[in-house]
PDB file of N, CA and C in Angstrom:
ATOM      1  N   MET A   1      22.403  11.258  22.645  1.00  0.00           N
ATOM      2  CA  MET A   1      22.445  11.107  24.074  1.00  0.00           C
ATOM      3  C   MET A   1      21.345  11.957  24.721  1.00  0.00           C
ATOM      4  N   PHE A   2      21.123  13.128  24.153  1.00  0.00           N
ATOM      5  CA  PHE A   2      20.097  14.020  24.687  1.00  0.00           C
ATOM      6  C   PHE A   2      18.722  13.364  24.647  1.00  0.00           C
ATOM      7  N   VAL A   3      18.442  12.642  23.566  1.00  0.00           N
ATOM      8  CA  VAL A   3      17.146  11.984  23.430  1.00  0.00           C
ATOM      9  C   VAL A   3      16.994  10.893  24.476  1.00  0.00           C
ATOM     10  N   PHE A   4      18.062  10.128  24.732  1.00  0.00           N
ATOM     11  CA  PHE A   4      17.995   9.096  25.770  1.00  0.00           C
ATOM     12  C   PHE A   4      17.696   9.704  27.127  1.00  0.00           C
ATOM     13  N   VAL A   5      18.342  10.804  27.442  1.00  0.00           N
ATOM     14  CA  VAL A   5      18.113  11.457  28.731  1.00  0.00           C
ATOM     15  C   VAL A   5      16.661  11.915  28.848  1.00  0.00           C
ATOM     16  N   LEU A   6      16.128  12.512  27.787  1.00  0.00           N
ATOM     17  CA  LEU A   6      14.728  12.956  27.820  1.00  0.00           C
ATOM     18  C   LEU A   6      13.770  11.787  27.988  1.00  0.00           C
ATOM     19  N   ILE A   7      14.015  10.706  27.282  1.00  0.00           N
ATOM     20  CA  ILE A   7      13.135   9.538  27.394  1.00  0.00           C
ATOM     21  C   ILE A   7      13.220   8.948  28.790  1.00  0.00           C
ATOM     22  N   PHE A   8      14.424   8.810  29.321  1.00  0.00           N
ATOM     23  CA  PHE A   8      14.569   8.233  30.654  1.00  0.00           C
ATOM     24  C   PHE A   8      13.964   9.125  31.730  1.00  0.00           C
ATOM     25  N   GLN A   9      14.046  10.431  31.561  1.00  0.00           N
ATOM     26  CA  GLN A   9      13.462  11.330  32.554  1.00  0.00           C
ATOM     27  C   GLN A   9      11.938  11.312  32.513  1.00  0.00           C
ATOM     28  N   SER A  10      11.383  10.978  31.349  1.00  0.00           N
ATOM     29  CA  SER A  10       9.922  10.948  31.256  1.00  0.00           C
ATOM     30  C   SER A  10       9.332   9.777  32.026  1.00  0.00           C
ATOM     31  N   PHE A  11      10.124   8.757  32.283  1.00  0.00           N
ATOM     32  CA  PHE A  11       9.668   7.626  33.084  1.00  0.00           C
ATOM     33  C   PHE A  11      10.207   7.789  34.496  1.00  0.00           C
ATOM     34  N   ALA A  12       9.307   7.967  35.458  1.00  0.00           N
ATOM     35  CA  ALA A  12       9.720   8.243  36.830  1.00  0.00           C
ATOM     36  C   ALA A  12      10.421   7.042  37.460  1.00  0.00           C
ATOM     37  N   SER A  13      10.004   5.864  37.099  1.00  0.00           N
ATOM     38  CA  SER A  13      10.546   4.651  37.700  1.00  0.00           C
ATOM     39  C   SER A  13      11.858   4.251  37.039  1.00  0.00           C
ATOM     40  N   ARG A  14      12.881   4.080  37.821  1.00  0.00           N
ATOM     41  CA  ARG A  14      14.165   3.614  37.283  1.00  0.00           C
ATOM     42  C   ARG A  14      14.093   2.137  36.902  1.00  0.00           C
ATOM     43  N   ALA A  15      13.105   1.442  37.433  1.00  0.00           N
ATOM     44  CA  ALA A  15      12.974   0.018  37.121  1.00  0.00           C
ATOM     45  C   ALA A  15      12.586  -0.196  35.664  1.00  0.00           C
ATOM     46  N   SER A  16      11.891   0.748  35.065  1.00  0.00           N
ATOM     47  CA  SER A  16      11.463   0.578  33.676  1.00  0.00           C
ATOM     48  C   SER A  16      12.535   0.992  32.673  1.00  0.00           C
ATOM     49  N   GLN A  17      13.594   1.644  33.099  1.00  0.00           N
ATOM     50  CA  GLN A  17      14.618   2.115  32.174  1.00  0.00           C
ATOM     51  C   GLN A  17      15.346   0.992  31.437  1.00  0.00           C
ATOM     52  N   PRO A  18      15.732  -0.104  32.084  1.00  0.00           N
ATOM     53  CA  PRO A  18      16.374  -1.184  31.312  1.00  0.00           C
ATOM     54  C   PRO A  18      15.451  -1.775  30.237  1.00  0.00           C
ATOM     55  N   ARG A  19      14.165  -1.857  30.535  1.00  0.00           N
ATOM     56  CA  ARG A  19      13.205  -2.376  29.561  1.00  0.00           C
ATOM     57  C   ARG A  19      13.108  -1.437  28.359  1.00  0.00           C
ATOM     58  N   ILE A  20      13.086  -0.131  28.620  1.00  0.00           N
ATOM     59  CA  ILE A  20      13.013   0.857  27.552  1.00  0.00           C
ATOM     60  C   ILE A  20      14.275   0.797  26.697  1.00  0.00           C
ATOM     61  N   LEU A  21      15.422   0.696  27.339  1.00  0.00           N
ATOM     62  CA  LEU A  21      16.688   0.618  26.614  1.00  0.00           C
ATOM     63  C   LEU A  21      16.748  -0.636  25.756  1.00  0.00           C
ATOM     64  N   LYS A  22      16.283  -1.771  26.310  1.00  0.00           N
ATOM     65  CA  LYS A  22      16.285  -3.019  25.560  1.00  0.00           C
ATOM     66  C   LYS A  22      15.420  -2.898  24.307  1.00  0.00           C
ATOM     67  N   TRP A  23      14.224  -2.332  24.438  1.00  0.00           N
ATOM     68  CA  TRP A  23      13.334  -2.195  23.282  1.00  0.00           C
ATOM     69  C   TRP A  23      13.876  -1.171  22.283  1.00  0.00           C
ATOM     70  N   GLY A  24      14.544  -0.157  22.770  1.00  0.00           N
ATOM     71  CA  GLY A  24      15.150   0.822  21.870  1.00  0.00           C
ATOM     72  C   GLY A  24      16.260   0.210  21.033  1.00  0.00           C
ATOM     73  N   ILE A  25      17.104  -0.583  21.660  1.00  0.00           N
ATOM     74  CA  ILE A  25      18.187  -1.251  20.938  1.00  0.00           C
ATOM     75  C   ILE A  25      17.622  -2.268  19.961  1.00  0.00           C
ATOM     76  N   LEU A  26      16.628  -3.034  20.397  1.00  0.00           N
ATOM     77  CA  LEU A  26      15.997  -4.013  19.514  1.00  0.00           C
ATOM     78  C   LEU A  26      15.345  -3.322  18.317  1.00  0.00           C
ATOM     79  N   GLY A  27      14.686  -2.206  18.552  1.00  0.00           N
ATOM     80  CA  GLY A  27      14.073  -1.458  17.461  1.00  0.00           C
ATOM     81  C   GLY A  27      15.103  -0.942  16.474  1.00  0.00           C
ATOM     82  N   ALA A  28      16.240  -0.458  16.982  1.00  0.00           N
ATOM     83  CA  ALA A  28      17.301   0.047  16.101  1.00  0.00           C
ATOM     84  C   ALA A  28      17.880  -1.082  15.251  1.00  0.00           C
ATOM     85  N   VAL A  29      18.082  -2.249  15.849  1.00  0.00           N
ATOM     86  CA  VAL A  29      18.615  -3.385  15.100  1.00  0.00           C
ATOM     87  C   VAL A  29      17.619  -3.824  14.029  1.00  0.00           C
ATOM     88  N   LEU A  30      16.336  -3.884  14.375  1.00  0.00           N
ATOM     89  CA  LEU A  30      15.323  -4.289  13.397  1.00  0.00           C
ATOM     90  C   LEU A  30      15.201  -3.283  12.253  1.00  0.00           C
ATOM     91  N   MET A  31      15.277  -1.998  12.564  1.00  0.00           N
ATOM     92  CA  MET A  31      15.204  -0.992  11.504  1.00  0.00           C
ATOM     93  C   MET A  31      16.413  -1.078  10.573  1.00  0.00           C
ATOM     94  N   ARG A  32      17.590  -1.335  11.123  1.00  0.00           N
ATOM     95  CA  ARG A  32      18.765  -1.523  10.270  1.00  0.00           C
ATOM     96  C   ARG A  32      18.586  -2.733   9.370  1.00  0.00           C
ATOM     97  N   LEU A  33      18.036  -3.807   9.928  1.00  0.00           N
ATOM     98  CA  LEU A  33      17.794  -5.003   9.138  1.00  0.00           C
ATOM     99  C   LEU A  33      16.825  -4.707   7.998  1.00  0.00           C
ATOM    100  N   VAL A  34      15.777  -3.948   8.278  1.00  0.00           N
ATOM    101  CA  VAL A  34      14.807  -3.587   7.245  1.00  0.00           C
ATOM    102  C   VAL A  34      15.475  -2.785   6.137  1.00  0.00           C
ATOM    103  N   PHE A  35      16.291  -1.811   6.501  1.00  0.00           N
ATOM    104  CA  PHE A  35      16.950  -0.992   5.488  1.00  0.00           C
ATOM    105  C   PHE A  35      17.982  -1.790   4.695  1.00  0.00           C
ATOM    106  N   ILE A  36      18.673  -2.716   5.330  1.00  0.00           N
ATOM    107  CA  ILE A  36      19.637  -3.549   4.609  1.00  0.00           C
ATOM    108  C   ILE A  36      18.916  -4.444   3.610  1.00  0.00           C
ATOM    109  N   VAL A  37      17.823  -5.070   4.039  1.00  0.00           N
ATOM    110  CA  VAL A  37      17.060  -5.933   3.135  1.00  0.00           C
ATOM    111  C   VAL A  37      16.480  -5.114   1.981  1.00  0.00           C
ATOM    112  N   ALA A  38      15.967  -3.917   2.273  1.00  0.00           N
ATOM    113  CA  ALA A  38      15.427  -3.065   1.213  1.00  0.00           C
ATOM    114  C   ALA A  38      16.530  -2.655   0.239  1.00  0.00           C
ATOM    115  N   GLY A  39      17.700  -2.325   0.750  1.00  0.00           N
ATOM    116  CA  GLY A  39      18.816  -1.944  -0.118  1.00  0.00           C
ATOM    117  C   GLY A  39      19.289  -3.090  -0.989  1.00  0.00           C
ATOM    118  N   VAL A  40      19.339  -4.289  -0.423  1.00  0.00           N
ATOM    119  CA  VAL A  40      19.765  -5.455  -1.205  1.00  0.00           C
ATOM    120  C   VAL A  40      18.734  -5.765  -2.282  1.00  0.00           C
ATOM    121  N   SER A  41      17.460  -5.591  -1.978  1.00  0.00           N
ATOM    122  CA  SER A  41      16.440  -5.878  -2.987  1.00  0.00           C
ATOM    123  C   SER A  41      16.442  -4.832  -4.104  1.00  0.00           C
ATOM    124  N   LEU A  42      16.856  -3.596  -3.812  1.00  0.00           N
ATOM    125  CA  LEU A  42      16.924  -2.559  -4.836  1.00  0.00           C
ATOM    126  C   LEU A  42      18.216  -2.599  -5.643  1.00  0.00           C
ATOM    127  N   TRP A  43      19.226  -3.253  -5.132  1.00  0.00           N
ATOM    128  CA  TRP A  43      20.542  -3.228  -5.750  1.00  0.00           C
ATOM    129  C   TRP A  43      20.562  -3.742  -7.187  1.00  0.00           C
ATOM    130  N   PRO A  44      19.848  -4.816  -7.540  1.00  0.00           N
ATOM    131  CA  PRO A  44      19.921  -5.282  -8.935  1.00  0.00           C
ATOM    132  C   PRO A  44      19.377  -4.277  -9.953  1.00  0.00           C
ATOM    133  N   ALA A  45      18.574  -3.334  -9.540  1.00  0.00           N
ATOM    134  CA  ALA A  45      18.073  -2.325 -10.471  1.00  0.00           C
ATOM    135  C   ALA A  45      19.248  -1.472 -10.927  1.00  0.00           C
ATOM    136  N   SER A  46      19.472  -1.398 -12.221  1.00  0.00           N
ATOM    137  CA  SER A  46      20.659  -0.728 -12.746  1.00  0.00           C
ATOM    138  C   SER A  46      20.683   0.758 -12.404  1.00  0.00           C
ATOM    139  N   LEU A  47      19.512   1.385 -12.294  1.00  0.00           N
ATOM    140  CA  LEU A  47      19.464   2.804 -11.968  1.00  0.00           C
ATOM    141  C   LEU A  47      20.082   3.076 -10.599  1.00  0.00           C
ATOM    142  N   VAL A  48      19.829   2.206  -9.640  1.00  0.00           N
ATOM    143  CA  VAL A  48      20.376   2.385  -8.294  1.00  0.00           C
ATOM    144  C   VAL A  48      21.896   2.296  -8.330  1.00  0.00           C
ATOM    145  N   MET A  49      22.429   1.369  -9.110  1.00  0.00           N
ATOM    146  CA  MET A  49      23.885   1.239  -9.210  1.00  0.00           C
ATOM    147  C   MET A  49      24.505   2.483  -9.824  1.00  0.00           C
ATOM    148  N   TYR A  50      23.855   3.054 -10.840  1.00  0.00           N
ATOM    149  CA  TYR A  50      24.377   4.269 -11.459  1.00  0.00           C
ATOM    150  C   TYR A  50      24.318   5.455 -10.500  1.00  0.00           C
ATOM    151  N   VAL A  51      23.254   5.546  -9.716  1.00  0.00           N
ATOM    152  CA  VAL A  51      23.129   6.649  -8.752  1.00  0.00           C
ATOM    153  C   VAL A  51      24.218   6.542  -7.691  1.00  0.00           C
ATOM    154  N   PHE A  52      24.399   5.346  -7.116  1.00  0.00           N
ATOM    155  CA  PHE A  52      25.436   5.187  -6.098  1.00  0.00           C
ATOM    156  C   PHE A  52      26.832   5.342  -6.681  1.00  0.00           C
ATOM    157  N   GLY A  53      27.037   4.857  -7.894  1.00  0.00           N
ATOM    158  CA  GLY A  53      28.332   5.039  -8.548  1.00  0.00           C
ATOM    159  C   GLY A  53      28.632   6.506  -8.785  1.00  0.00           C
ATOM    160  N   GLY A  54      27.625   7.249  -9.249  1.00  0.00           N
ATOM    161  CA  GLY A  54      27.800   8.694  -9.440  1.00  0.00           C
ATOM    162  C   GLY A  54      28.084   9.406  -8.137  1.00  0.00           C
ATOM    163  N   LEU A  55      27.395   8.987  -7.085  1.00  0.00           N
ATOM    164  CA  LEU A  55      27.633   9.581  -5.767  1.00  0.00           C
ATOM    165  C   LEU A  55      29.069   9.339  -5.305  1.00  0.00           C
ATOM    166  N   LEU A  56      29.575   8.141  -5.531  1.00  0.00           N
ATOM    167  CA  LEU A  56      30.963   7.835  -5.165  1.00  0.00           C
ATOM    168  C   LEU A  56      31.955   8.664  -5.976  1.00  0.00           C
ATOM    169  N   ILE A  57      31.689   8.840  -7.249  1.00  0.00           N
ATOM    170  CA  ILE A  57      32.592   9.633  -8.099  1.00  0.00           C
ATOM    171  C   ILE A  57      32.588  11.095  -7.664  1.00  0.00           C
ATOM    172  N   VAL A  58      31.400  11.651  -7.412  1.00  0.00           N
ATOM    173  CA  VAL A  58      31.305  13.047  -6.965  1.00  0.00           C
ATOM    174  C   VAL A  58      32.027  13.232  -5.633  1.00  0.00           C
ATOM    175  N   THR A  59      31.850  12.285  -4.725  1.00  0.00           N
ATOM    176  CA  THR A  59      32.521  12.368  -3.425  1.00  0.00           C
ATOM    177  C   THR A  59      34.034  12.299  -3.579  1.00  0.00           C
ATOM    178  N   ALA A  60      34.508  11.424  -4.459  1.00  0.00           N
ATOM    179  CA  ALA A  60      35.955  11.312  -4.688  1.00  0.00           C
ATOM    180  C   ALA A  60      36.511  12.599  -5.269  1.00  0.00           C
ATOM    181  N   ILE A  61      35.795  13.190  -6.212  1.00  0.00           N
ATOM    182  CA  ILE A  61      36.261  14.451  -6.802  1.00  0.00           C
ATOM    183  C   ILE A  61      36.305  15.547  -5.748  1.00  0.00           C
ATOM    184  N   GLN A  62      35.291  15.617  -4.907  1.00  0.00           N
ATOM    185  CA  GLN A  62      35.279  16.628  -3.843  1.00  0.00           C
ATOM    186  C   GLN A  62      36.429  16.420  -2.871  1.00  0.00           C
ATOM    187  N   MET A  63      36.735  15.165  -2.543  1.00  0.00           N
ATOM    188  CA  MET A  63      37.837  14.896  -1.622  1.00  0.00           C
ATOM    189  C   MET A  63      39.168  15.306  -2.229  1.00  0.00           C
ATOM    190  N   VAL A  64      39.367  15.042  -3.516  1.00  0.00           N
ATOM    191  CA  VAL A  64      40.623  15.388  -4.172  1.00  0.00           C
ATOM    192  C   VAL A  64      40.782  16.897  -4.269  1.00  0.00           C
ATOM    193  N   THR A  65      39.718  17.590  -4.668  1.00  0.00           N
ATOM    194  CA  THR A  65      39.827  19.046  -4.810  1.00  0.00           C
ATOM    195  C   THR A  65      39.924  19.730  -3.453  1.00  0.00           C
ATOM    196  N   GLU A  66      39.303  19.189  -2.433  1.00  0.00           N
ATOM    197  CA  GLU A  66      39.401  19.778  -1.094  1.00  0.00           C
ATOM    198  C   GLU A  66      40.816  19.637  -0.557  1.00  0.00           C
ATOM    199  N   ASP A  67      41.432  18.500  -0.823  1.00  0.00           N
ATOM    200  CA  ASP A  67      42.794  18.263  -0.369  1.00  0.00           C
ATOM    201  C   ASP A  67      43.756  19.225  -1.054  1.00  0.00           C
ATOM    202  N   GLU A  68      43.545  19.513  -2.331  1.00  0.00           N
ATOM    203  CA  GLU A  68      44.406  20.451  -3.049  1.00  0.00           C
ATOM    204  C   GLU A  68      44.208  21.888  -2.552  1.00  0.00           C
ATOM    205  N   LYS A  69      43.004  22.229  -2.136  1.00  0.00           N
ATOM    206  CA  LYS A  69      42.734  23.582  -1.636  1.00  0.00           C
ATOM    207  C   LYS A  69      43.439  23.814  -0.302  1.00  0.00           C
ATOM    208  N   LYS A  70      43.601  22.790   0.499  1.00  0.00           N
ATOM    209  CA  LYS A  70      44.253  22.927   1.807  1.00  0.00           C
ATOM    210  C   LYS A  70      45.760  23.138   1.667  1.00  0.00           C
ATOM    211  N   ARG A  71      46.347  22.704   0.574  1.00  0.00           N
ATOM    212  CA  ARG A  71      47.796  22.812   0.405  1.00  0.00           C
ATOM    213  C   ARG A  71      48.171  24.166   0.026  1.00  0.00           C
TER     214      ARG A  71
END
């Protein structure tokens, strides 16, 4: 939110703010699309599956041990 306020304050005209917001949202959607396509193209590589699988296992172990520490 802080970044939006700074960007909007840098433009003196309130008329340009909707245009800036529209391009910001469009840019965010396009960047997500790029990362999703890149992730899907990397997924068949077996190394990526092992890395993400290991990450999930480590996260699960941390969640289980953290829950036991709170009790």
